[in-house]
Protein backbone atom coordinates (compact mmCIF):
# COMPACT_ATOMS: atom_id res chain seq x y z
CA UNK A 1 0.00 0.00 0.00
CA UNK A 2 1.34 3.40 -0.99
CA UNK A 3 1.47 6.08 1.65
CA UNK A 4 -0.15 9.37 0.55
CA UNK A 5 2.20 12.29 -0.04
CA UNK A 6 2.36 14.86 2.75
CA UNK A 7 3.71 17.64 0.57
CA UNK A 8 2.57 18.60 -2.90
CA UNK A 9 4.11 20.71 -5.66
CA UNK A 10 1.64 23.18 -7.11
CA UNK A 11 3.32 25.86 -9.19
CA UNK A 12 1.67 29.01 -10.43
CA UNK A 13 2.19 29.91 -14.09
CA UNK A 14 4.73 32.55 -13.01
CA UNK A 15 6.66 30.05 -10.88
CA UNK A 16 6.71 27.48 -13.69
CA UNK A 17 8.07 30.08 -16.14
CA UNK A 18 10.66 31.19 -13.57
CA UNK A 19 11.92 27.61 -13.13
CA UNK A 20 12.07 27.03 -16.89
CA UNK A 21 14.01 30.28 -17.26
CA UNK A 22 16.56 29.14 -14.69
CA UNK A 23 16.99 25.83 -16.54
CA UNK A 24 17.64 27.64 -19.86
CA UNK A 25 20.39 29.89 -18.48
CA UNK A 26 23.83 28.74 -19.56
CA UNK A 27 25.46 29.63 -16.24
CA UNK A 28 23.00 27.66 -14.08
CA UNK A 29 24.62 25.17 -11.75
CA UNK A 30 23.70 21.52 -12.58
CA UNK A 31 22.34 20.91 -9.06
CA UNK A 32 20.01 23.90 -9.28
CA UNK A 33 18.94 22.95 -12.80
CA UNK A 34 18.08 19.41 -11.64
CA UNK A 35 16.07 20.80 -8.73
CA UNK A 36 14.14 22.99 -11.17
CA UNK A 37 13.52 20.01 -13.47
CA UNK A 38 12.26 17.86 -10.60
CA UNK A 39 9.91 20.57 -9.32
CA UNK A 40 8.59 21.15 -12.83
CA UNK A 41 8.06 17.42 -13.36
CA UNK A 42 6.20 17.00 -10.05
CA UNK A 43 3.96 20.04 -10.58
CA UNK A 44 0.35 18.96 -10.04
CA UNK A 45 -1.24 22.13 -11.47
CA UNK A 46 0.16 21.66 -14.95
CA UNK A 47 -0.18 18.61 -17.19
CA UNK A 48 2.10 15.59 -17.01
CA UNK A 49 2.76 15.45 -13.26
CA UNK A 50 5.02 12.48 -12.64
CA UNK A 51 5.62 10.30 -9.59
CA UNK A 52 8.79 10.47 -7.48
CA UNK A 53 10.10 7.27 -9.08
CA UNK A 54 10.28 9.00 -12.45
CA UNK A 55 12.46 11.73 -10.96
CA UNK A 56 14.82 9.12 -9.59
CA UNK A 57 15.25 7.53 -13.03
CA UNK A 58 15.20 10.68 -15.16
CA UNK A 59 17.41 13.01 -13.09
CA UNK A 60 19.65 10.64 -11.17
CA UNK A 61 18.59 11.77 -7.70
CA UNK A 62 17.38 9.69 -4.79
CA UNK A 63 13.85 9.53 -3.40
CA UNK A 64 15.17 11.15 -0.25
CA UNK A 65 16.54 14.08 -2.25
CA UNK A 66 13.20 14.52 -4.00
CA UNK A 67 11.29 14.30 -0.70
CA UNK A 68 13.56 16.90 0.89
CA UNK A 69 13.24 19.18 -2.14
CA UNK A 70 9.43 18.96 -2.09
CA UNK A 71 9.35 19.51 1.68
CA UNK A 72 11.54 22.61 1.38
CA UNK A 73 9.34 23.89 -1.45
CA UNK A 74 6.16 23.33 0.57
CA UNK A 75 7.54 25.05 3.64
CA UNK A 76 9.45 27.94 2.07
CA UNK A 77 8.67 28.26 -1.62
CA UNK A 78 10.96 28.20 -4.63
CA UNK A 79 13.81 30.14 -3.03
CA UNK A 80 13.98 27.72 -0.12
CA UNK A 81 13.90 24.69 -2.42
CA UNK A 82 16.66 26.02 -4.67
CA UNK A 83 18.96 27.22 -1.87
CA UNK A 84 22.13 25.19 -1.62
CA UNK A 85 22.75 24.23 1.96
CA UNK A 86 26.28 23.32 2.93
CA UNK A 87 27.12 21.22 5.93
CA UNK A 88 29.57 22.85 8.29
CA UNK A 89 32.31 20.72 9.80
CA UNK A 90 33.34 21.70 13.30
CA UNK A 91 36.95 20.81 13.97
PDB file of N, CA and C in Angstrom:
ATOM      1  N   UNK A   1       0.840  -1.180   0.000  1.00  0.00           N
ATOM      2  CA  UNK A   1       0.000   0.000   0.000  1.00  0.00           C
ATOM      3  C   UNK A   1       0.886   1.245   0.000  1.00  0.00           C
ATOM      4  N   UNK A   2       0.566   2.177  -0.853  1.00  0.00           N
ATOM      5  CA  UNK A   2       1.344   3.398  -0.986  1.00  0.00           C
ATOM      6  C   UNK A   2       0.854   4.440   0.002  1.00  0.00           C
ATOM      7  N   UNK A   3       1.800   5.031   0.698  1.00  0.00           N
ATOM      8  CA  UNK A   3       1.467   6.077   1.653  1.00  0.00           C
ATOM      9  C   UNK A   3       1.188   7.374   0.896  1.00  0.00           C
ATOM     10  N   UNK A   4       0.129   8.109   1.261  1.00  0.00           N
ATOM     11  CA  UNK A   4      -0.154   9.371   0.551  1.00  0.00           C
ATOM     12  C   UNK A   4       0.932  10.403   0.829  1.00  0.00           C
ATOM     13  N   UNK A   5       1.178  11.258  -0.175  1.00  0.00           N
ATOM     14  CA  UNK A   5       2.196  12.292  -0.040  1.00  0.00           C
ATOM     15  C   UNK A   5       1.736  13.359   0.942  1.00  0.00           C
ATOM     16  N   UNK A   6       2.670  13.792   1.802  1.00  0.00           N
ATOM     17  CA  UNK A   6       2.360  14.861   2.753  1.00  0.00           C
ATOM     18  C   UNK A   6       2.487  16.222   2.098  1.00  0.00           C
ATOM     19  N   UNK A   7       3.445  16.360   1.214  1.00  0.00           N
ATOM     20  CA  UNK A   7       3.712  17.645   0.568  1.00  0.00           C
ATOM     21  C   UNK A   7       3.441  17.527  -0.925  1.00  0.00           C
ATOM     22  N   UNK A   8       2.909  18.589  -1.486  1.00  0.00           N
ATOM     23  CA  UNK A   8       2.569  18.597  -2.902  1.00  0.00           C
ATOM     24  C   UNK A   8       3.236  19.785  -3.580  1.00  0.00           C
ATOM     25  N   UNK A   9       3.530  19.623  -4.866  1.00  0.00           N
ATOM     26  CA  UNK A   9       4.106  20.708  -5.660  1.00  0.00           C
ATOM     27  C   UNK A   9       3.005  21.256  -6.553  1.00  0.00           C
ATOM     28  N   UNK A  10       2.647  22.501  -6.299  1.00  0.00           N
ATOM     29  CA  UNK A  10       1.641  23.183  -7.110  1.00  0.00           C
ATOM     30  C   UNK A  10       2.220  24.541  -7.487  1.00  0.00           C
ATOM     31  N   UNK A  11       2.667  24.640  -8.720  1.00  0.00           N
ATOM     32  CA  UNK A  11       3.320  25.858  -9.195  1.00  0.00           C
ATOM     33  C   UNK A  11       2.327  26.763  -9.906  1.00  0.00           C
ATOM     34  N   UNK A  12       2.450  28.045  -9.658  1.00  0.00           N
ATOM     35  CA  UNK A  12       1.668  29.010 -10.432  1.00  0.00           C
ATOM     36  C   UNK A  12       2.316  29.110 -11.815  1.00  0.00           C
ATOM     37  N   UNK A  13       1.625  29.740 -12.748  1.00  0.00           N
ATOM     38  CA  UNK A  13       2.192  29.912 -14.088  1.00  0.00           C
ATOM     39  C   UNK A  13       3.495  30.707 -14.025  1.00  0.00           C
ATOM     40  N   UNK A  14       3.532  31.723 -13.162  1.00  0.00           N
ATOM     41  CA  UNK A  14       4.726  32.550 -13.005  1.00  0.00           C
ATOM     42  C   UNK A  14       5.892  31.727 -12.463  1.00  0.00           C
ATOM     43  N   UNK A  15       5.612  30.891 -11.456  1.00  0.00           N
ATOM     44  CA  UNK A  15       6.662  30.049 -10.879  1.00  0.00           C
ATOM     45  C   UNK A  15       7.193  29.048 -11.905  1.00  0.00           C
ATOM     46  N   UNK A  16       6.292  28.450 -12.670  1.00  0.00           N
ATOM     47  CA  UNK A  16       6.711  27.481 -13.695  1.00  0.00           C
ATOM     48  C   UNK A  16       7.602  28.154 -14.737  1.00  0.00           C
ATOM     49  N   UNK A  17       7.250  29.354 -15.166  1.00  0.00           N
ATOM     50  CA  UNK A  17       8.066  30.083 -16.139  1.00  0.00           C
ATOM     51  C   UNK A  17       9.421  30.452 -15.537  1.00  0.00           C
ATOM     52  N   UNK A  18       9.415  30.833 -14.260  1.00  0.00           N
ATOM     53  CA  UNK A  18      10.656  31.190 -13.569  1.00  0.00           C
ATOM     54  C   UNK A  18      11.610  29.991 -13.538  1.00  0.00           C
ATOM     55  N   UNK A  19      11.094  28.809 -13.186  1.00  0.00           N
ATOM     56  CA  UNK A  19      11.924  27.608 -13.134  1.00  0.00           C
ATOM     57  C   UNK A  19      12.464  27.247 -14.512  1.00  0.00           C
ATOM     58  N   UNK A  20      11.623  27.338 -15.532  1.00  0.00           N
ATOM     59  CA  UNK A  20      12.071  27.031 -16.893  1.00  0.00           C
ATOM     60  C   UNK A  20      13.127  28.023 -17.360  1.00  0.00           C
ATOM     61  N   UNK A  21      13.000  29.279 -16.936  1.00  0.00           N
ATOM     62  CA  UNK A  21      14.011  30.283 -17.263  1.00  0.00           C
ATOM     63  C   UNK A  21      15.346  29.975 -16.621  1.00  0.00           C
ATOM     64  N   UNK A  22      15.326  29.508 -15.389  1.00  0.00           N
ATOM     65  CA  UNK A  22      16.559  29.136 -14.691  1.00  0.00           C
ATOM     66  C   UNK A  22      17.239  27.977 -15.417  1.00  0.00           C
ATOM     67  N   UNK A  23      16.443  26.996 -15.845  1.00  0.00           N
ATOM     68  CA  UNK A  23      16.992  25.832 -16.538  1.00  0.00           C
ATOM     69  C   UNK A  23      17.675  26.244 -17.845  1.00  0.00           C
ATOM     70  N   UNK A  24      17.109  27.221 -18.557  1.00  0.00           N
ATOM     71  CA  UNK A  24      17.639  27.636 -19.860  1.00  0.00           C
ATOM     72  C   UNK A  24      18.912  28.466 -19.775  1.00  0.00           C
ATOM     73  N   UNK A  25      19.181  29.074 -18.619  1.00  0.00           N
ATOM     74  CA  UNK A  25      20.390  29.891 -18.481  1.00  0.00           C
ATOM     75  C   UNK A  25      21.631  29.013 -18.618  1.00  0.00           C
ATOM     76  N   UNK A  26      22.606  29.513 -19.335  1.00  0.00           N
ATOM     77  CA  UNK A  26      23.832  28.742 -19.560  1.00  0.00           C
ATOM     78  C   UNK A  26      24.698  28.634 -18.309  1.00  0.00           C
ATOM     79  N   UNK A  27      24.604  29.621 -17.416  1.00  0.00           N
ATOM     80  CA  UNK A  27      25.464  29.627 -16.235  1.00  0.00           C
ATOM     81  C   UNK A  27      24.814  28.978 -15.014  1.00  0.00           C
ATOM     82  N   UNK A  28      23.680  28.299 -15.206  1.00  0.00           N
ATOM     83  CA  UNK A  28      22.996  27.665 -14.083  1.00  0.00           C
ATOM     84  C   UNK A  28      23.753  26.414 -13.647  1.00  0.00           C
ATOM     85  N   UNK A  29      23.986  26.326 -12.371  1.00  0.00           N
ATOM     86  CA  UNK A  29      24.620  25.166 -11.747  1.00  0.00           C
ATOM     87  C   UNK A  29      23.777  23.916 -12.023  1.00  0.00           C
ATOM     88  N   UNK A  30      24.413  22.765 -12.251  1.00  0.00           N
ATOM     89  CA  UNK A  30      23.699  21.524 -12.577  1.00  0.00           C
ATOM     90  C   UNK A  30      22.771  21.092 -11.447  1.00  0.00           C
ATOM     91  N   UNK A  31      23.172  21.278 -10.207  1.00  0.00           N
ATOM     92  CA  UNK A  31      22.339  20.906  -9.065  1.00  0.00           C
ATOM     93  C   UNK A  31      21.053  21.731  -9.050  1.00  0.00           C
ATOM     94  N   UNK A  32      21.177  23.019  -9.257  1.00  0.00           N
ATOM     95  CA  UNK A  32      20.010  23.902  -9.276  1.00  0.00           C
ATOM     96  C   UNK A  32      19.119  23.563 -10.467  1.00  0.00           C
ATOM     97  N   UNK A  33      19.721  23.303 -11.616  1.00  0.00           N
ATOM     98  CA  UNK A  33      18.942  22.947 -12.804  1.00  0.00           C
ATOM     99  C   UNK A  33      18.153  21.662 -12.566  1.00  0.00           C
ATOM    100  N   UNK A  34      18.779  20.668 -11.939  1.00  0.00           N
ATOM    101  CA  UNK A  34      18.075  19.413 -11.640  1.00  0.00           C
ATOM    102  C   UNK A  34      16.930  19.647 -10.663  1.00  0.00           C
ATOM    103  N   UNK A  35      17.151  20.501  -9.672  1.00  0.00           N
ATOM    104  CA  UNK A  35      16.074  20.804  -8.729  1.00  0.00           C
ATOM    105  C   UNK A  35      14.894  21.446  -9.455  1.00  0.00           C
ATOM    106  N   UNK A  36      15.200  22.342 -10.378  1.00  0.00           N
ATOM    107  CA  UNK A  36      14.142  22.985 -11.169  1.00  0.00           C
ATOM    108  C   UNK A  36      13.403  21.957 -12.018  1.00  0.00           C
ATOM    109  N   UNK A  37      14.136  21.051 -12.635  1.00  0.00           N
ATOM    110  CA  UNK A  37      13.516  20.012 -13.468  1.00  0.00           C
ATOM    111  C   UNK A  37      12.609  19.116 -12.640  1.00  0.00           C
ATOM    112  N   UNK A  38      13.067  18.734 -11.462  1.00  0.00           N
ATOM    113  CA  UNK A  38      12.264  17.859 -10.596  1.00  0.00           C
ATOM    114  C   UNK A  38      10.988  18.571 -10.166  1.00  0.00           C
ATOM    115  N   UNK A  39      11.102  19.821  -9.727  1.00  0.00           N
ATOM    116  CA  UNK A  39       9.908  20.570  -9.317  1.00  0.00           C
ATOM    117  C   UNK A  39       8.928  20.733 -10.481  1.00  0.00           C
ATOM    118  N   UNK A  40       9.450  21.000 -11.655  1.00  0.00           N
ATOM    119  CA  UNK A  40       8.587  21.147 -12.829  1.00  0.00           C
ATOM    120  C   UNK A  40       7.899  19.825 -13.162  1.00  0.00           C
ATOM    121  N   UNK A  41       8.627  18.730 -13.056  1.00  0.00           N
ATOM    122  CA  UNK A  41       8.055  17.416 -13.362  1.00  0.00           C
ATOM    123  C   UNK A  41       6.988  16.997 -12.353  1.00  0.00           C
ATOM    124  N   UNK A  42       7.145  17.404 -11.100  1.00  0.00           N
ATOM    125  CA  UNK A  42       6.204  17.004 -10.049  1.00  0.00           C
ATOM    126  C   UNK A  42       5.022  17.956  -9.894  1.00  0.00           C
ATOM    127  N   UNK A  43       5.012  19.029 -10.666  1.00  0.00           N
ATOM    128  CA  UNK A  43       3.956  20.036 -10.577  1.00  0.00           C
ATOM    129  C   UNK A  43       2.587  19.426 -10.859  1.00  0.00           C
ATOM    130  N   UNK A  44       1.684  19.548  -9.919  1.00  0.00           N
ATOM    131  CA  UNK A  44       0.350  18.963 -10.036  1.00  0.00           C
ATOM    132  C   UNK A  44      -0.643  19.893 -10.729  1.00  0.00           C
ATOM    133  N   UNK A  45      -0.327  21.170 -10.850  1.00  0.00           N
ATOM    134  CA  UNK A  45      -1.245  22.126 -11.468  1.00  0.00           C
ATOM    135  C   UNK A  45      -1.098  22.217 -12.986  1.00  0.00           C
ATOM    136  N   UNK A  46      -0.063  21.641 -13.517  1.00  0.00           N
ATOM    137  CA  UNK A  46       0.155  21.660 -14.955  1.00  0.00           C
ATOM    138  C   UNK A  46       0.191  20.212 -15.451  1.00  0.00           C
ATOM    139  N   UNK A  47      -0.096  19.978 -16.688  1.00  0.00           N
ATOM    140  CA  UNK A  47      -0.178  18.605 -17.193  1.00  0.00           C
ATOM    141  C   UNK A  47       1.119  17.823 -17.033  1.00  0.00           C
ATOM    142  N   UNK A  48       0.984  16.535 -17.030  1.00  0.00           N
ATOM    143  CA  UNK A  48       2.097  15.590 -17.005  1.00  0.00           C
ATOM    144  C   UNK A  48       2.834  15.519 -15.673  1.00  0.00           C
ATOM    145  N   UNK A  49       2.116  15.643 -14.566  1.00  0.00           N
ATOM    146  CA  UNK A  49       2.756  15.451 -13.261  1.00  0.00           C
ATOM    147  C   UNK A  49       3.230  14.005 -13.177  1.00  0.00           C
ATOM    148  N   UNK A  50       4.441  13.812 -12.693  1.00  0.00           N
ATOM    149  CA  UNK A  50       5.024  12.481 -12.639  1.00  0.00           C
ATOM    150  C   UNK A  50       5.276  12.067 -11.197  1.00  0.00           C
ATOM    151  N   UNK A  51       5.327  10.771 -10.946  1.00  0.00           N
ATOM    152  CA  UNK A  51       5.616  10.299  -9.587  1.00  0.00           C
ATOM    153  C   UNK A  51       7.098  10.444  -9.237  1.00  0.00           C
ATOM    154  N   UNK A  52       7.414  10.333  -7.959  1.00  0.00           N
ATOM    155  CA  UNK A  52       8.786  10.466  -7.479  1.00  0.00           C
ATOM    156  C   UNK A  52       9.727   9.501  -8.199  1.00  0.00           C
ATOM    157  N   UNK A  53       9.249   8.276  -8.457  1.00  0.00           N
ATOM    158  CA  UNK A  53      10.104   7.268  -9.084  1.00  0.00           C
ATOM    159  C   UNK A  53      10.628   7.727 -10.442  1.00  0.00           C
ATOM    160  N   UNK A  54       9.840   8.490 -11.164  1.00  0.00           N
ATOM    161  CA  UNK A  54      10.284   8.998 -12.452  1.00  0.00           C
ATOM    162  C   UNK A  54      11.452   9.975 -12.267  1.00  0.00           C
ATOM    163  N   UNK A  55      11.383  10.787 -11.245  1.00  0.00           N
ATOM    164  CA  UNK A  55      12.465  11.732 -10.962  1.00  0.00           C
ATOM    165  C   UNK A  55      13.758  11.025 -10.629  1.00  0.00           C
ATOM    166  N   UNK A  56      13.647   9.913  -9.936  1.00  0.00           N
ATOM    167  CA  UNK A  56      14.825   9.121  -9.595  1.00  0.00           C
ATOM    168  C   UNK A  56      15.495   8.626 -10.874  1.00  0.00           C
ATOM    169  N   UNK A  57      14.706   8.082 -11.784  1.00  0.00           N
ATOM    170  CA  UNK A  57      15.254   7.529 -13.027  1.00  0.00           C
ATOM    171  C   UNK A  57      15.721   8.622 -13.987  1.00  0.00           C
ATOM    172  N   UNK A  58      14.924   9.664 -14.151  1.00  0.00           N
ATOM    173  CA  UNK A  58      15.202  10.679 -15.160  1.00  0.00           C
ATOM    174  C   UNK A  58      16.337  11.633 -14.771  1.00  0.00           C
ATOM    175  N   UNK A  59      16.459  11.974 -13.497  1.00  0.00           N
ATOM    176  CA  UNK A  59      17.410  13.009 -13.093  1.00  0.00           C
ATOM    177  C   UNK A  59      18.545  12.502 -12.223  1.00  0.00           C
ATOM    178  N   UNK A  60      18.552  11.211 -11.919  1.00  0.00           N
ATOM    179  CA  UNK A  60      19.654  10.641 -11.166  1.00  0.00           C
ATOM    180  C   UNK A  60      19.750  11.125  -9.735  1.00  0.00           C
ATOM    181  N   UNK A  61      18.614  11.372  -9.112  1.00  0.00           N
ATOM    182  CA  UNK A  61      18.592  11.769  -7.702  1.00  0.00           C
ATOM    183  C   UNK A  61      17.809  10.734  -6.914  1.00  0.00           C
ATOM    184  N   UNK A  62      18.046  10.678  -5.624  1.00  0.00           N
ATOM    185  CA  UNK A  62      17.383   9.687  -4.791  1.00  0.00           C
ATOM    186  C   UNK A  62      15.983  10.141  -4.378  1.00  0.00           C
ATOM    187  N   UNK A  63      15.184   9.194  -3.907  1.00  0.00           N
ATOM    188  CA  UNK A  63      13.849   9.532  -3.405  1.00  0.00           C
ATOM    189  C   UNK A  63      13.954  10.478  -2.215  1.00  0.00           C
ATOM    190  N   UNK A  64      14.975  10.287  -1.406  1.00  0.00           N
ATOM    191  CA  UNK A  64      15.174  11.154  -0.247  1.00  0.00           C
ATOM    192  C   UNK A  64      15.444  12.589  -0.691  1.00  0.00           C
ATOM    193  N   UNK A  65      16.249  12.752  -1.723  1.00  0.00           N
ATOM    194  CA  UNK A  65      16.536  14.084  -2.253  1.00  0.00           C
ATOM    195  C   UNK A  65      15.263  14.740  -2.756  1.00  0.00           C
ATOM    196  N   UNK A  66      14.459  13.986  -3.478  1.00  0.00           N
ATOM    197  CA  UNK A  66      13.204  14.517  -3.996  1.00  0.00           C
ATOM    198  C   UNK A  66      12.268  14.880  -2.855  1.00  0.00           C
ATOM    199  N   UNK A  67      12.161  14.016  -1.853  1.00  0.00           N
ATOM    200  CA  UNK A  67      11.294  14.298  -0.705  1.00  0.00           C
ATOM    201  C   UNK A  67      11.730  15.558   0.027  1.00  0.00           C
ATOM    202  N   UNK A  68      13.032  15.721   0.220  1.00  0.00           N
ATOM    203  CA  UNK A  68      13.562  16.902   0.890  1.00  0.00           C
ATOM    204  C   UNK A  68      13.299  18.155   0.060  1.00  0.00           C
ATOM    205  N   UNK A  69      13.485  18.053  -1.238  1.00  0.00           N
ATOM    206  CA  UNK A  69      13.239  19.178  -2.135  1.00  0.00           C
ATOM    207  C   UNK A  69      11.775  19.614  -2.075  1.00  0.00           C
ATOM    208  N   UNK A  70      10.865  18.650  -2.136  1.00  0.00           N
ATOM    209  CA  UNK A  70       9.432  18.959  -2.091  1.00  0.00           C
ATOM    210  C   UNK A  70       9.044  19.527  -0.728  1.00  0.00           C
ATOM    211  N   UNK A  71       9.620  18.992   0.335  1.00  0.00           N
ATOM    212  CA  UNK A  71       9.345  19.505   1.677  1.00  0.00           C
ATOM    213  C   UNK A  71       9.808  20.954   1.797  1.00  0.00           C
ATOM    214  N   UNK A  72      11.027  21.238   1.341  1.00  0.00           N
ATOM    215  CA  UNK A  72      11.541  22.610   1.382  1.00  0.00           C
ATOM    216  C   UNK A  72      10.684  23.544   0.546  1.00  0.00           C
ATOM    217  N   UNK A  73      10.210  23.078  -0.611  1.00  0.00           N
ATOM    218  CA  UNK A  73       9.338  23.894  -1.455  1.00  0.00           C
ATOM    219  C   UNK A  73       8.022  24.179  -0.739  1.00  0.00           C
ATOM    220  N   UNK A  74       7.439  23.161  -0.118  1.00  0.00           N
ATOM    221  CA  UNK A  74       6.156  23.327   0.566  1.00  0.00           C
ATOM    222  C   UNK A  74       6.257  24.282   1.741  1.00  0.00           C
ATOM    223  N   UNK A  75       7.373  24.231   2.444  1.00  0.00           N
ATOM    224  CA  UNK A  75       7.540  25.053   3.636  1.00  0.00           C
ATOM    225  C   UNK A  75       8.020  26.470   3.334  1.00  0.00           C
ATOM    226  N   UNK A  76       8.846  26.637   2.280  1.00  0.00           N
ATOM    227  CA  UNK A  76       9.451  27.942   2.073  1.00  0.00           C
ATOM    228  C   UNK A  76       9.393  28.489   0.663  1.00  0.00           C
ATOM    229  N   UNK A  77       8.775  27.772  -0.259  1.00  0.00           N
ATOM    230  CA  UNK A  77       8.666  28.265  -1.623  1.00  0.00           C
ATOM    231  C   UNK A  77       9.875  27.923  -2.475  1.00  0.00           C
ATOM    232  N   UNK A  78       9.914  28.510  -3.654  1.00  0.00           N
ATOM    233  CA  UNK A  78      10.958  28.202  -4.634  1.00  0.00           C
ATOM    234  C   UNK A  78      12.347  28.561  -4.109  1.00  0.00           C
ATOM    235  N   UNK A  79      12.489  29.723  -3.504  1.00  0.00           N
ATOM    236  CA  UNK A  79      13.810  30.144  -3.030  1.00  0.00           C
ATOM    237  C   UNK A  79      14.379  29.175  -2.002  1.00  0.00           C
ATOM    238  N   UNK A  80      13.535  28.681  -1.133  1.00  0.00           N
ATOM    239  CA  UNK A  80      13.978  27.718  -0.124  1.00  0.00           C
ATOM    240  C   UNK A  80      14.373  26.391  -0.766  1.00  0.00           C
ATOM    241  N   UNK A  81      13.609  25.962  -1.756  1.00  0.00           N
ATOM    242  CA  UNK A  81      13.897  24.692  -2.420  1.00  0.00           C
ATOM    243  C   UNK A  81      15.185  24.755  -3.226  1.00  0.00           C
ATOM    244  N   UNK A  82      15.482  25.895  -3.814  1.00  0.00           N
ATOM    245  CA  UNK A  82      16.659  26.021  -4.666  1.00  0.00           C
ATOM    246  C   UNK A  82      17.920  26.419  -3.915  1.00  0.00           C
ATOM    247  N   UNK A  83      17.790  26.814  -2.656  1.00  0.00           N
ATOM    248  CA  UNK A  83      18.956  27.223  -1.871  1.00  0.00           C
ATOM    249  C   UNK A  83      19.874  26.034  -1.644  1.00  0.00           C
ATOM    250  N   UNK A  84      21.148  26.262  -1.855  1.00  0.00           N
ATOM    251  CA  UNK A  84      22.128  25.195  -1.620  1.00  0.00           C
ATOM    252  C   UNK A  84      22.602  25.285  -0.184  1.00  0.00           C
ATOM    253  N   UNK A  85      22.349  24.248   0.562  1.00  0.00           N
ATOM    254  CA  UNK A  85      22.746  24.226   1.963  1.00  0.00           C
ATOM    255  C   UNK A  85      24.037  23.416   2.091  1.00  0.00           C
ATOM    256  N   UNK A  86      24.988  23.983   2.720  1.00  0.00           N
ATOM    257  CA  UNK A  86      26.284  23.321   2.931  1.00  0.00           C
ATOM    258  C   UNK A  86      26.374  22.868   4.383  1.00  0.00           C
ATOM    259  N   UNK A  87      26.899  21.673   4.564  1.00  0.00           N
ATOM    260  CA  UNK A  87      27.123  21.224   5.927  1.00  0.00           C
ATOM    261  C   UNK A  87      28.421  21.851   6.432  1.00  0.00           C
ATOM    262  N   UNK A  88      28.416  22.192   7.697  1.00  0.00           N
ATOM    263  CA  UNK A  88      29.574  22.847   8.293  1.00  0.00           C
ATOM    264  C   UNK A  88      30.258  21.848   9.210  1.00  0.00           C
ATOM    265  N   UNK A  89      31.526  21.636   8.960  1.00  0.00           N
ATOM    266  CA  UNK A  89      32.309  20.723   9.801  1.00  0.00           C
ATOM    267  C   UNK A  89      32.911  21.515  10.944  1.00  0.00           C
ATOM    268  N   UNK A  90      32.714  21.040  12.150  1.00  0.00           N
ATOM    269  CA  UNK A  90      33.340  21.696  13.296  1.00  0.00           C
ATOM    270  C   UNK A  90      34.553  20.886  13.703  1.00  0.00           C
ATOM    271  N   UNK A  91      35.696  21.504  13.636  1.00  0.00           N
ATOM    272  CA  UNK A  91      36.954  20.809  13.974  1.00  0.00           C
ATOM    273  C   UNK A  91      37.416  21.189  15.341  1.00  0.00           C
TER     274      UNK A  91
END
